[in-house]
């Protein structure tokens, strides 16, 4: 639906819009894999954050478990996404 809507608004073909969108998402993904933040002015910022290891609880096993540290992607919306 996003590709179709952008194609209608821009006058581009759906194939061209899909190609551009794929290149954008690939570029954002590559930057995040390199732990670089990506800012789309007015839209928001994507960044990588380290989540520390922590203690959790497995209800099916009924015991505590260790949840390992991992990296996650955080998104901070820009002013254009503010809902008033």
Protein backbone atom coordinates (compact mmCIF):
# COMPACT_ATOMS: atom_id res chain seq x y z
CA UNK A 1 0.00 0.00 0.00
CA UNK A 2 2.89 2.38 0.77
CA UNK A 3 4.46 1.80 -2.64
CA UNK A 4 1.13 2.33 -4.38
CA UNK A 5 0.41 5.55 -2.47
CA UNK A 6 3.88 6.99 -3.15
CA UNK A 7 3.56 6.08 -6.84
CA UNK A 8 0.23 7.91 -7.08
CA UNK A 9 1.51 11.02 -5.27
CA UNK A 10 4.83 11.19 -7.13
CA UNK A 11 3.74 10.13 -10.60
CA UNK A 12 6.44 7.44 -10.63
CA UNK A 13 5.80 3.82 -11.54
CA UNK A 14 5.28 1.36 -8.71
CA UNK A 15 8.38 -0.57 -9.85
CA UNK A 16 10.52 2.59 -9.60
CA UNK A 17 9.12 3.46 -6.17
CA UNK A 18 9.74 -0.10 -4.93
CA UNK A 19 13.31 0.04 -6.23
CA UNK A 20 14.00 3.36 -4.47
CA UNK A 21 12.39 2.18 -1.23
CA UNK A 22 14.47 -1.01 -1.30
CA UNK A 23 17.66 1.03 -1.76
CA UNK A 24 16.71 3.33 1.13
CA UNK A 25 15.99 0.45 3.52
CA UNK A 26 19.20 -1.34 2.46
CA UNK A 27 21.22 1.82 3.13
CA UNK A 28 19.60 2.37 6.54
CA UNK A 29 20.21 -1.28 7.46
CA UNK A 30 23.88 -1.09 6.39
CA UNK A 31 24.44 2.06 8.43
CA UNK A 32 22.84 0.50 11.51
CA UNK A 33 24.98 -2.64 11.10
CA UNK A 34 27.99 -0.30 11.21
CA UNK A 35 26.46 1.26 14.36
CA UNK A 36 25.96 4.62 12.64
CA UNK A 37 22.82 6.61 13.38
CA UNK A 38 20.57 7.58 10.48
CA UNK A 39 18.59 10.83 10.56
CA UNK A 40 15.80 11.53 8.11
CA UNK A 41 15.27 15.25 8.69
CA UNK A 42 11.77 15.93 9.95
CA UNK A 43 10.92 12.22 10.09
CA UNK A 44 13.17 10.84 12.81
CA UNK A 45 16.42 9.18 13.81
CA UNK A 46 17.33 5.50 13.92
CA UNK A 47 20.21 4.46 16.19
CA UNK A 48 21.71 1.30 17.68
CA UNK A 49 21.62 0.86 21.44
CA UNK A 50 23.14 -1.86 23.61
CA UNK A 51 20.68 -3.64 25.89
CA UNK A 52 22.49 -5.01 28.95
CA UNK A 53 22.15 -8.61 30.13
CA UNK A 54 19.49 -9.06 32.77
CA UNK A 55 17.66 -11.59 34.89
CA UNK A 56 14.29 -12.77 33.57
CA UNK A 57 11.64 -15.33 34.45
CA UNK A 58 10.46 -18.20 32.26
CA UNK A 59 6.84 -18.88 33.30
CA UNK A 60 6.60 -22.18 31.40
CA UNK A 61 9.69 -23.61 33.15
CA UNK A 62 8.90 -21.82 36.41
CA UNK A 63 12.41 -20.56 37.00
CA UNK A 64 14.71 -17.59 36.56
CA UNK A 65 16.84 -17.31 33.46
CA UNK A 66 19.62 -15.07 32.19
CA UNK A 67 18.67 -12.88 29.22
CA UNK A 68 21.83 -12.08 27.25
CA UNK A 69 22.93 -8.59 26.18
CA UNK A 70 22.06 -7.58 22.64
CA UNK A 71 21.96 -4.61 20.32
CA UNK A 72 18.59 -3.12 19.37
CA UNK A 73 17.43 -0.38 17.01
CA UNK A 74 15.80 2.65 18.62
CA UNK A 75 13.73 5.21 16.75
CA UNK A 76 13.13 8.78 17.88
CA UNK A 77 10.39 10.47 15.83
CA UNK A 78 10.97 13.92 14.40
CA UNK A 79 8.69 16.94 14.52
CA UNK A 80 6.89 15.93 11.31
CA UNK A 81 5.51 12.86 13.09
CA UNK A 82 4.14 14.71 16.12
CA UNK A 83 0.43 14.07 16.50
CA UNK A 84 -1.44 17.02 17.91
